[in-house]
C-alpha atoms as a PDB file:
ATOM      1  CA  MET A   1       0.000   0.000   0.000  1.00  0.00           C
ATOM      2  CA  PHE A   2       1.392   3.375  -1.036  1.00  0.00           C
ATOM      3  CA  ARG A   3       2.105   5.880   1.752  1.00  0.00           C
ATOM      4  CA  SER A   4       2.968   9.460   0.848  1.00  0.00           C
ATOM      5  CA  PRO A   5       6.119  11.119   2.273  1.00  0.00           C
ATOM      6  CA  ALA A   6       3.885  13.409   4.318  1.00  0.00           C
ATOM      7  CA  PHE A   7       2.077  10.430   5.858  1.00  0.00           C
ATOM      8  CA  ARG A   8       5.358   8.700   6.699  1.00  0.00           C
ATOM      9  CA  ALA A   9       6.686  11.903   8.289  1.00  0.00           C
ATOM     10  CA  CYS A  10       3.583  12.226  10.467  1.00  0.00           C
ATOM     11  CA  ALA A  11       3.820   8.591  11.495  1.00  0.00           C
ATOM     12  CA  ALA A  12       7.461   9.045  12.464  1.00  0.00           C
ATOM     13  CA  LEU A  13       6.624  12.088  14.545  1.00  0.00           C
ATOM     14  CA  ALA A  14       3.860  10.166  16.294  1.00  0.00           C
ATOM     15  CA  LEU A  15       6.269   7.362  17.138  1.00  0.00           C
ATOM     16  CA  LEU A  16       8.798   9.837  18.484  1.00  0.00           C
ATOM     17  CA  ALA A  17       6.119  11.474  20.625  1.00  0.00           C
ATOM     18  CA  ALA A  18       5.041   8.099  21.995  1.00  0.00           C
ATOM     19  CA  ALA A  19       8.642   7.200  22.810  1.00  0.00           C
ATOM     20  CA  ALA A  20       9.149  10.540  24.546  1.00  0.00           C
ATOM     21  CA  ALA A  21       5.975  10.044  26.573  1.00  0.00           C
ATOM     22  CA  SER A  22       7.112   6.600  27.695  1.00  0.00           C
ATOM     23  CA  HIS A  23      10.230   8.184  29.185  1.00  0.00           C
ATOM     24  CA  ALA A  24       8.573  11.343  30.523  1.00  0.00           C
ATOM     25  CA  VAL A  25       9.099  10.146  34.083  1.00  0.00           C
ATOM     26  CA  GLY A  26      12.105   8.821  35.999  1.00  0.00           C
ATOM     27  CA  PHE A  27      11.389   5.269  34.871  1.00  0.00           C
ATOM     28  CA  ASP A  28      10.287   3.642  31.616  1.00  0.00           C
ATOM     29  CA  CYS A  29       6.481   3.682  31.513  1.00  0.00           C
ATOM     30  CA  ARG A  30       6.506   0.728  29.151  1.00  0.00           C
ATOM     31  CA  ARG A  31       7.820  -1.301  32.088  1.00  0.00           C
ATOM     32  CA  ALA A  32       5.445   0.093  34.715  1.00  0.00           C
ATOM     33  CA  ARG A  33       4.273  -2.757  36.917  1.00  0.00           C
ATOM     34  CA  THR A  34       2.836  -1.410  40.156  1.00  0.00           C
ATOM     35  CA  GLN A  35      -0.399   0.546  40.443  1.00  0.00           C
ATOM     36  CA  VAL A  36       1.550   3.578  41.694  1.00  0.00           C
ATOM     37  CA  GLU A  37       3.801   3.550  38.598  1.00  0.00           C
ATOM     38  CA  LYS A  38       0.806   3.143  36.277  1.00  0.00           C
ATOM     39  CA  THR A  39      -0.963   6.044  38.010  1.00  0.00           C
ATOM     40  CA  ILE A  40       2.104   8.277  37.543  1.00  0.00           C
ATOM     41  CA  CYS A  41       2.414   7.378  33.854  1.00  0.00           C
ATOM     42  CA  ALA A  42      -1.278   8.108  33.239  1.00  0.00           C
ATOM     43  CA  ASP A  43      -1.202  11.531  34.925  1.00  0.00           C
ATOM     44  CA  ALA A  44       0.613  14.442  33.275  1.00  0.00           C
ATOM     45  CA  GLU A  45       1.158  16.343  36.523  1.00  0.00           C
ATOM     46  CA  LEU A  46       2.529  13.302  38.345  1.00  0.00           C
ATOM     47  CA  SER A  47       4.816  12.555  35.378  1.00  0.00           C
ATOM     48  CA  ARG A  48       6.127  16.125  35.523  1.00  0.00           C
ATOM     49  CA  LEU A  49       6.729  15.905  39.276  1.00  0.00           C
ATOM     50  CA  ASP A  50       8.533  12.579  38.875  1.00  0.00           C
ATOM     51  CA  SER A  51      10.777  14.039  36.173  1.00  0.00           C
ATOM     52  CA  GLU A  52      11.488  17.130  38.293  1.00  0.00           C
ATOM     53  CA  MET A  53      12.395  15.016  41.305  1.00  0.00           C
ATOM     54  CA  ASN A  54      14.651  12.765  39.264  1.00  0.00           C
ATOM     55  CA  ASP A  55      16.470  15.748  37.742  1.00  0.00           C
ATOM     56  CA  LEU A  56      17.184  16.978  41.268  1.00  0.00           C
ATOM     57  CA  TYR A  57      18.189  13.478  42.350  1.00  0.00           C
ATOM     58  CA  ARG A  58      20.725  13.076  39.530  1.00  0.00           C
ATOM     59  CA  GLN A  59      22.239  16.505  40.218  1.00  0.00           C
ATOM     60  CA  ILE A  60      22.519  15.914  43.969  1.00  0.00           C
ATOM     61  CA  ARG A  61      23.866  12.390  43.550  1.00  0.00           C
ATOM     62  CA  ALA A  62      26.551  13.547  41.114  1.00  0.00           C
ATOM     63  CA  GLU A  63      27.777  16.018  43.740  1.00  0.00           C
ATOM     64  CA  THR A  64      27.519  13.835  46.856  1.00  0.00           C
ATOM     65  CA  ARG A  65      28.345  10.254  45.842  1.00  0.00           C
ATOM     66  CA  GLY A  66      31.934   9.212  46.424  1.00  0.00           C
ATOM     67  CA  VAL A  67      34.393   7.655  48.857  1.00  0.00           C
ATOM     68  CA  ASP A  68      34.873   8.656  52.484  1.00  0.00           C
ATOM     69  CA  GLY A  69      38.418  10.007  52.747  1.00  0.00           C
ATOM     70  CA  GLU A  70      38.986   8.601  56.263  1.00  0.00           C
ATOM     71  CA  THR A  71      37.392   5.150  56.052  1.00  0.00           C
ATOM     72  CA  GLY A  72      37.551   4.447  52.321  1.00  0.00           C
ATOM     73  CA  ARG A  73      33.888   3.469  52.470  1.00  0.00           C
ATOM     74  CA  ARG A  74      31.692   4.313  49.503  1.00  0.00           C
ATOM     75  CA  VAL A  75      28.995   6.843  50.385  1.00  0.00           C
ATOM     76  CA  ASP A  76      25.805   7.562  48.486  1.00  0.00           C
ATOM     77  CA  PRO A  77      23.532   9.401  50.950  1.00  0.00           C
ATOM     78  CA  ILE A  78      20.846  10.593  48.538  1.00  0.00           C
ATOM     79  CA  ALA A  79      20.352   7.059  47.152  1.00  0.00           C
ATOM     80  CA  ALA A  80      19.644   5.617  50.592  1.00  0.00           C
ATOM     81  CA  GLU A  81      17.385   8.539  51.423  1.00  0.00           C
ATOM     82  CA  ASN A  82      15.431   8.162  48.186  1.00  0.00           C
ATOM     83  CA  ALA A  83      15.022   4.421  48.688  1.00  0.00           C
ATOM     84  CA  ARG A  84      13.281   5.129  51.996  1.00  0.00           C
ATOM     85  CA  TRP A  85      11.118   7.767  50.318  1.00  0.00           C
ATOM     86  CA  LEU A  86      10.084   5.341  47.577  1.00  0.00           C
ATOM     87  CA  GLU A  87       8.848   2.892  50.201  1.00  0.00           C
ATOM     88  CA  GLY A  88       6.553   5.606  51.522  1.00  0.00           C
ATOM     89  CA  ARG A  89       5.399   6.688  48.059  1.00  0.00           C
ATOM     90  CA  ASN A  90       4.541   3.117  47.183  1.00  0.00           C
ATOM     91  CA  GLU A  91       2.147   2.983  50.124  1.00  0.00           C
ATOM     92  CA  CYS A  92      -0.104   5.505  48.354  1.00  0.00           C
ATOM     93  CA  HIS A  93      -3.445   4.381  46.980  1.00  0.00           C
ATOM     94  CA  ASP A  94      -4.502   7.434  44.954  1.00  0.00           C
ATOM     95  CA  ALA A  95      -3.113  10.268  42.841  1.00  0.00           C
ATOM     96  CA  ALA A  96      -3.579  12.896  45.565  1.00  0.00           C
ATOM     97  CA  CYS A  97      -1.368  10.962  47.984  1.00  0.00           C
ATOM     98  CA  ILE A  98       1.296  10.455  45.299  1.00  0.00           C
ATOM     99  CA  ARG A  99       1.227  14.167  44.392  1.00  0.00           C
ATOM    100  CA  ASP A 100       1.650  15.188  48.058  1.00  0.00           C
ATOM    101  CA  ALA A 101       4.538  12.757  48.474  1.00  0.00           C
ATOM    102  CA  TYR A 102       6.364  14.208  45.433  1.00  0.00           C
ATOM    103  CA  GLN A 103       5.746  17.835  46.392  1.00  0.00           C
ATOM    104  CA  GLN A 104       7.010  17.249  49.928  1.00  0.00           C
ATOM    105  CA  ARG A 105      10.043  15.323  48.647  1.00  0.00           C
ATOM    106  CA  ILE A 106      11.007  17.970  46.072  1.00  0.00           C
ATOM    107  CA  ALA A 107      10.750  20.723  48.693  1.00  0.00           C
ATOM    108  CA  GLN A 108      12.836  18.669  51.122  1.00  0.00           C
ATOM    109  CA  MET A 109      15.550  17.951  48.542  1.00  0.00           C
ATOM    110  CA  ARG A 110      15.875  21.637  47.626  1.00  0.00           C
ATOM    111  CA  ARG A 111      15.966  22.618  51.268  1.00  0.00           C
ATOM    112  CA  ASP A 112      18.368  19.943  52.559  1.00  0.00           C
ATOM    113  CA  TRP A 113      20.672  19.614  49.531  1.00  0.00           C
ATOM    114  CA  GLY A 114      20.801  23.196  48.271  1.00  0.00           C
ATOM    115  CA  ASP A 115      24.617  23.207  48.274  1.00  0.00           C
ATOM    116  CA  ALA A 116      24.640  20.414  45.677  1.00  0.00           C
ATOM    117  CA  LEU A 117      22.239  22.141  43.276  1.00  0.00           C
ATOM    118  CA  THR A 118      22.848  24.617  40.491  1.00  0.00           C
ATOM    119  CA  PRO A 119      22.027  28.260  41.293  1.00  0.00           C
ATOM    120  CA  THR A 120      18.833  27.998  39.207  1.00  0.00           C
ATOM    121  CA  GLN A 121      17.663  24.879  41.047  1.00  0.00           C
ATOM    122  CA  ALA A 122      18.579  26.325  44.418  1.00  0.00           C
ATOM    123  CA  ALA A 123      16.688  29.523  43.628  1.00  0.00           C
ATOM    124  CA  ALA A 124      13.553  27.432  43.124  1.00  0.00           C
ATOM    125  CA  ALA A 125      13.696  26.275  46.748  1.00  0.00           C
ATOM    126  CA  PRO A 126      10.783  27.530  48.853  1.00  0.00           C
ATOM    127  CA  ALA A 127      11.436  30.397  51.192  1.00  0.00           C
ATOM    128  CA  LYS A 128      12.285  29.454  54.728  1.00  0.00           C
ATOM    129  CA  SER A 129       9.208  29.004  56.838  1.00  0.00           C
ATOM    130  CA  LYS A 130       8.358  31.720  59.305  1.00  0.00           C
ATOM    131  CA  ASN A 131       8.038  28.876  61.796  1.00  0.00           C
ATOM    132  CA  ASP A 132      11.589  28.262  62.999  1.00  0.00           C
ATOM    133  CA  TYR A 133      11.520  24.914  64.757  1.00  0.00           C
ATOM    134  CA  ARG A 134      14.108  24.181  67.424  1.00  0.00           C
ATOM    135  CA  TYR A 135      14.920  20.578  66.507  1.00  0.00           C
ATOM    136  CA  ASP A 136      18.247  20.673  68.333  1.00  0.00           C
ATOM    137  CA  ARG A 137      16.425  21.510  71.591  1.00  0.00           C
ATOM    138  CA  HIS A 138      13.796  18.778  71.424  1.00  0.00           C
ATOM    139  CA  GLY A 139      15.484  16.982  74.295  1.00  0.00           C
ATOM    140  CA  ASP A 140      13.360  19.410  76.364  1.00  0.00           C
ATOM    141  CA  PHE A 141       9.784  18.134  76.173  1.00  0.00           C
ATOM    142  CA  LYS A 142       8.250  21.584  76.643  1.00  0.00           C
ATOM    143  CA  ILE A 143      10.108  22.921  73.586  1.00  0.00           C
ATOM    144  CA  PHE A 144       9.297  19.812  71.562  1.00  0.00           C
ATOM    145  CA  ILE A 145       5.568  19.851  72.261  1.00  0.00           C
ATOM    146  CA  ALA A 146       5.374  23.604  71.593  1.00  0.00           C
ATOM    147  CA  ASP A 147       7.031  23.092  68.186  1.00  0.00           C
ATOM    148  CA  LEU A 148       4.796  20.122  67.401  1.00  0.00           C
ATOM    149  CA  ARG A 149       1.639  22.069  68.251  1.00  0.00           C
ATOM    150  CA  LYS A 150       2.842  24.971  66.073  1.00  0.00           C
ATOM    151  CA  ALA A 151       3.662  22.681  63.127  1.00  0.00           C
ATOM    152  CA  VAL A 152       0.316  20.852  63.338  1.00  0.00           C
ATOM    153  CA  ALA A 153      -1.602  24.130  63.562  1.00  0.00           C
ATOM    154  CA  ALA A 154       0.227  25.375  60.434  1.00  0.00           C
ATOM    155  CA  ASP A 155      -0.346  22.035  58.644  1.00  0.00           C
ATOM    156  CA  ASP A 156       3.417  21.940  58.100  1.00  0.00           C
ATOM    157  CA  ARG A 157       3.512  18.237  57.299  1.00  0.00           C
ATOM    158  CA  ALA A 158       7.219  18.054  56.507  1.00  0.00           C
ATOM    159  CA  ALA A 159       8.063  19.576  59.900  1.00  0.00           C
ATOM    160  CA  VAL A 160       5.669  17.255  61.738  1.00  0.00           C
ATOM    161  CA  ALA A 161       7.231  14.258  59.957  1.00  0.00           C
ATOM    162  CA  LYS A 162      10.619  15.271  61.360  1.00  0.00           C
ATOM    163  CA  MET A 163       9.052  15.091  64.837  1.00  0.00           C
ATOM    164  CA  ILE A 164       7.681  11.582  64.268  1.00  0.00           C
ATOM    165  CA  ALA A 165       9.849   8.597  65.193  1.00  0.00           C
ATOM    166  CA  GLN A 166      10.958   6.222  62.444  1.00  0.00           C
ATOM    167  CA  PRO A 167       9.600   3.675  62.681  1.00  0.00           C
ATOM    168  CA  PHE A 168       6.307   5.027  63.983  1.00  0.00           C
ATOM    169  CA  ALA A 169       4.198   2.143  65.305  1.00  0.00           C
ATOM    170  CA  ASP A 170       0.442   1.853  65.090  1.00  0.00           C
ATOM    171  CA  PHE A 171      -0.717  -0.711  67.624  1.00  0.00           C
ATOM    172  CA  SER A 172      -4.318   0.503  67.697  1.00  0.00           C
ATOM    173  CA  ARG A 173      -5.464  -2.445  65.588  1.00  0.00           C
ATOM    174  CA  GLY A 174      -3.353  -5.097  67.272  1.00  0.00           C
ATOM    175  CA  SER A 175      -0.445  -5.054  64.837  1.00  0.00           C
ATOM    176  CA  SER A 176       2.029  -2.381  63.830  1.00  0.00           C
ATOM    177  CA  CYS A 177       2.182  -3.579  60.200  1.00  0.00           C
ATOM    178  CA  LEU A 178       5.951  -3.159  60.164  1.00  0.00           C
ATOM    179  CA  PRO A 179       8.488  -5.726  58.886  1.00  0.00           C
ATOM    180  CA  GLY A 180       9.322  -8.291  61.560  1.00  0.00           C
ATOM    181  CA  ASN A 181       5.966  -8.008  63.279  1.00  0.00           C
ATOM    182  CA  ASP A 182       2.856 -10.098  62.838  1.00  0.00           C
ATOM    183  CA  PRO A 183       1.721  -9.941  59.214  1.00  0.00           C
ATOM    184  CA  CYS A 184      -1.179  -7.663  58.381  1.00  0.00           C
ATOM    185  CA  ASP A 185      -3.957  -8.434  55.972  1.00  0.00           C
ATOM    186  CA  GLU A 186      -4.840  -6.061  53.124  1.00  0.00           C
ATOM    187  CA  GLN A 187      -7.534  -4.234  55.111  1.00  0.00           C
ATOM    188  CA  GLN A 188      -5.160  -3.637  58.051  1.00  0.00           C
ATOM    189  CA  ARG A 189      -2.500  -2.225  55.717  1.00  0.00           C
ATOM    190  CA  LYS A 190      -5.019   0.188  54.224  1.00  0.00           C
ATOM    191  CA  GLN A 191      -5.899   1.451  57.720  1.00  0.00           C
ATOM    192  CA  SER A 192      -2.453   1.252  59.316  1.00  0.00           C
ATOM    193  CA  ALA A 193      -0.673   4.435  60.383  1.00  0.00           C
ATOM    194  CA  SER A 194       2.692   2.682  60.833  1.00  0.00           C
ATOM    195  CA  ALA A 195       5.528   4.469  59.041  1.00  0.00           C
ATOM    196  CA  ARG A 196       9.180   3.621  58.446  1.00  0.00           C
ATOM    197  CA  SER A 197      10.370   6.981  57.095  1.00  0.00           C
ATOM    198  CA  GLU A 198       9.501  10.678  56.968  1.00  0.00           C
ATOM    199  CA  ALA A 199       8.089  10.253  53.459  1.00  0.00           C
ATOM    200  CA  GLU A 200       5.835   7.439  54.619  1.00  0.00           C
ATOM    201  CA  ALA A 201       4.740   9.519  57.616  1.00  0.00           C
ATOM    202  CA  ILE A 202       3.774  12.329  55.229  1.00  0.00           C
ATOM    203  CA  ALA A 203       1.882   9.899  53.016  1.00  0.00           C
ATOM    204  CA  LYS A 204      -0.041   8.642  56.076  1.00  0.00           C
ATOM    205  CA  TYR A 205      -0.245  12.026  57.765  1.00  0.00           C
ATOM    206  CA  ASP A 206      -4.035  12.125  58.082  1.00  0.00           C
ATOM    207  CA  ARG A 207      -4.019   8.716  59.761  1.00  0.00           C
ATOM    208  CA  ILE A 208      -1.374   9.757  62.283  1.00  0.00           C
ATOM    209  CA  VAL A 209      -2.530  13.338  62.888  1.00  0.00           C
ATOM    210  CA  THR A 210      -6.299  12.945  62.849  1.00  0.00           C
ATOM    211  CA  ALA A 211      -8.874  15.638  63.609  1.00  0.00           C
ATOM    212  CA  SER A 212      -9.127  14.273  67.181  1.00  0.00           C
ATOM    213  CA  VAL A 213      -5.359  14.453  67.585  1.00  0.00           C
ATOM    214  CA  ARG A 214      -5.290  18.043  66.309  1.00  0.00           C
ATOM    215  CA  SER A 215      -8.034  19.018  68.757  1.00  0.00           C
ATOM    216  CA  ALA A 216      -6.234  17.381  71.692  1.00  0.00           C
ATOM    217  CA  LEU A 217      -2.972  19.129  70.782  1.00  0.00           C
ATOM    218  CA  LYS A 218      -4.748  22.468  70.460  1.00  0.00           C
ATOM    219  CA  ALA A 219      -6.232  21.945  73.937  1.00  0.00           C
ATOM    220  CA  ASN A 220      -2.784  20.786  75.172  1.00  0.00           C
ATOM    221  CA  ARG A 221      -4.219  17.581  76.626  1.00  0.00           C
ATOM    222  CA  VAL A 222      -0.802  16.159  77.414  1.00  0.00           C
ATOM    223  CA  ARG A 223       0.212  14.463  80.651  1.00  0.00           C
ATOM    224  CA  ALA A 224       3.440  12.968  81.934  1.00  0.00           C
ATOM    225  CA  TYR A 225       3.880   9.475  83.361  1.00  0.00           C
ATOM    226  CA  SER A 226       1.956   9.028  86.597  1.00  0.00           C
ATOM    227  CA  ARG A 227       2.825   6.266  89.012  1.00  0.00           C
ATOM    228  CA  LYS A 228      -0.759   6.251  90.230  1.00  0.00           C
ATOM    229  CA  LEU A 229      -2.161   5.846  86.714  1.00  0.00           C
ATOM    230  CA  ASP A 230       0.594   3.977  84.918  1.00  0.00           C
ATOM    231  CA  SER A 231       2.616   1.905  87.411  1.00  0.00           C
ATOM    232  CA  GLY A 232       0.176  -1.012  87.438  1.00  0.00           C
ATOM    233  CA  GLU A 233       0.242  -1.248  91.229  1.00  0.00           C
ATOM    234  CA  ASP A 234      -2.875  -1.202  93.376  1.00  0.00           C
ATOM    235  CA  GLU A 235      -3.149   0.398  96.820  1.00  0.00           C
ATOM    236  CA  ASN A 236      -1.502  -2.703  98.351  1.00  0.00           C
ATOM    237  CA  GLY A 237       1.490  -2.481  96.042  1.00  0.00           C
ATOM    238  CA  GLU A 238       0.456  -5.491  93.988  1.00  0.00           C
ATOM    239  CA  VAL A 239       1.153  -5.265  90.270  1.00  0.00           C
ATOM    240  CA  GLN A 240      -1.890  -5.199  88.032  1.00  0.00           C
ATOM    241  CA  ALA A 241      -2.101  -4.358  84.311  1.00  0.00           C
ATOM    242  CA  PRO A 242       0.366  -1.517  83.525  1.00  0.00           C
ATOM    243  CA  GLY A 243      -0.806   1.845  82.228  1.00  0.00           C
ATOM    244  CA  VAL A 244      -0.443   3.253  78.734  1.00  0.00           C
ATOM    245  CA  ILE A 245       2.972   4.880  79.169  1.00  0.00           C
ATOM    246  CA  GLU A 246       6.229   4.230  81.010  1.00  0.00           C
ATOM    247  CA  PRO A 247       8.486   6.543  83.043  1.00  0.00           C
ATOM    248  CA  GLY A 248       9.871   9.335  80.862  1.00  0.00           C
ATOM    249  CA  GLU A 249       7.022   9.127  78.351  1.00  0.00           C
ATOM    250  CA  TYR A 250       4.112  11.506  77.777  1.00  0.00           C
ATOM    251  CA  LEU A 251       0.565  10.815  76.648  1.00  0.00           C
ATOM    252  CA  LEU A 252      -1.714  12.863  74.429  1.00  0.00           C
ATOM    253  CA  GLU A 253      -5.050  12.120  76.089  1.00  0.00           C
ATOM    254  CA  ASN A 254      -8.227  11.720  74.100  1.00  0.00           C
ATOM    255  CA  ASP A 255     -11.775  10.643  74.864  1.00  0.00           C
ATOM    256  CA  ASP A 256     -11.389   8.001  72.159  1.00  0.00           C
ATOM    257  CA  ALA A 257      -8.638   5.670  73.382  1.00  0.00           C
ATOM    258  CA  THR A 258      -7.574   4.777  69.831  1.00  0.00           C
ATOM    259  CA  GLN A 259      -6.863   8.476  69.193  1.00  0.00           C
ATOM    260  CA  GLN A 260      -4.288   8.801  71.981  1.00  0.00           C
ATOM    261  CA  ARG A 261      -0.619   9.211  71.095  1.00  0.00           C
ATOM    262  CA  VAL A 262       2.613   8.530  72.977  1.00  0.00           C
ATOM    263  CA  PHE A 263       5.674  10.802  73.017  1.00  0.00           C
ATOM    264  CA  LYS A 264       9.030   9.233  73.850  1.00  0.00           C
ATOM    265  CA  ARG A 265      12.669  10.313  73.871  1.00  0.00           C
ATOM    266  CA  VAL A 266      14.415   8.744  70.868  1.00  0.00           C
ATOM    267  CA  ASN A 267      18.171   9.260  70.431  1.00  0.00           C
ATOM    268  CA  GLY A 268      18.110  12.148  72.885  1.00  0.00           C
ATOM    269  CA  VAL A 269      15.092  14.040  71.515  1.00  0.00           C
ATOM    270  CA  TYR A 270      11.362  13.612  71.934  1.00  0.00           C
ATOM    271  CA  LYS A 271       9.289  12.201  69.093  1.00  0.00           C
ATOM    272  CA  LEU A 272       5.701  11.245  68.418  1.00  0.00           C
ATOM    273  CA  GLN A 273       6.490   7.563  68.822  1.00  0.00           C
ATOM    274  CA  ARG A 274       3.428   5.320  68.719  1.00  0.00           C
ATOM    275  CA  ILE A 275      -0.298   4.818  68.932  1.00  0.00           C
ATOM    276  CA  PRO A 276      -0.758   2.733  72.088  1.00  0.00           C
ATOM    277  CA  PHE A 277      -2.254  -0.732  72.008  1.00  0.00           C
ATOM    278  CA  TYR A 278      -5.598  -1.393  73.588  1.00  0.00           C
ATOM    279  CA  SER A 279      -6.806  -4.975  73.953  1.00  0.00           C
END
């Protein structure tokens, strides 16, 4: 069958466009396997965000990967960091969650790795928040909880994620749904608030920081460990069932027991550490 030169030219352009589209993201869409990857490939905005993040990743990695001069050990910090982020992104079940994960990650990369970026890329970094959090002073619970309340009130999800322990454990349904623990079924995983990284905590933010949690923080319904309430001893000194928290921990109280949260010192600073278990 005869095909005119104009037809063949148009066909070639169409093939080129299709090939370009298949590589519009940081992976080959023709090899997309997971639902998250397929969602990204089918959404122009998500494809753009993936490409933007991967451009930043390649630039940062080129500047930071190498060999430690003292130990001779190979270092690749951004690769390890991104692997943890991907685990969180892959927990998403819809486009909105994926978009939030990318936007938070891109902002974090520009903020934390600005020295490794070109002037143009660095200039695109968001302005420093007017909320200056005192992370280095979070060994003082009063400073920590004040910063956490401020970050939650501002819906500063990236800042809140930095104040959440990794891993963060959700025991409210009888299993934390983290590797090494009892396996969770599909329904438990969909409801779980357990998180292994900051990116995963951001992806599950609304499960961890619920409306009830925000209200309790706003009302400052926080109490320290109480021997009377938490020691598990009765008036005769006999040990009964222990309380929700242990010495050194703090509890965000809530009328709904499954909406309570525990704060614990982790590596010298306080973190939002777990949702307590209730049998």
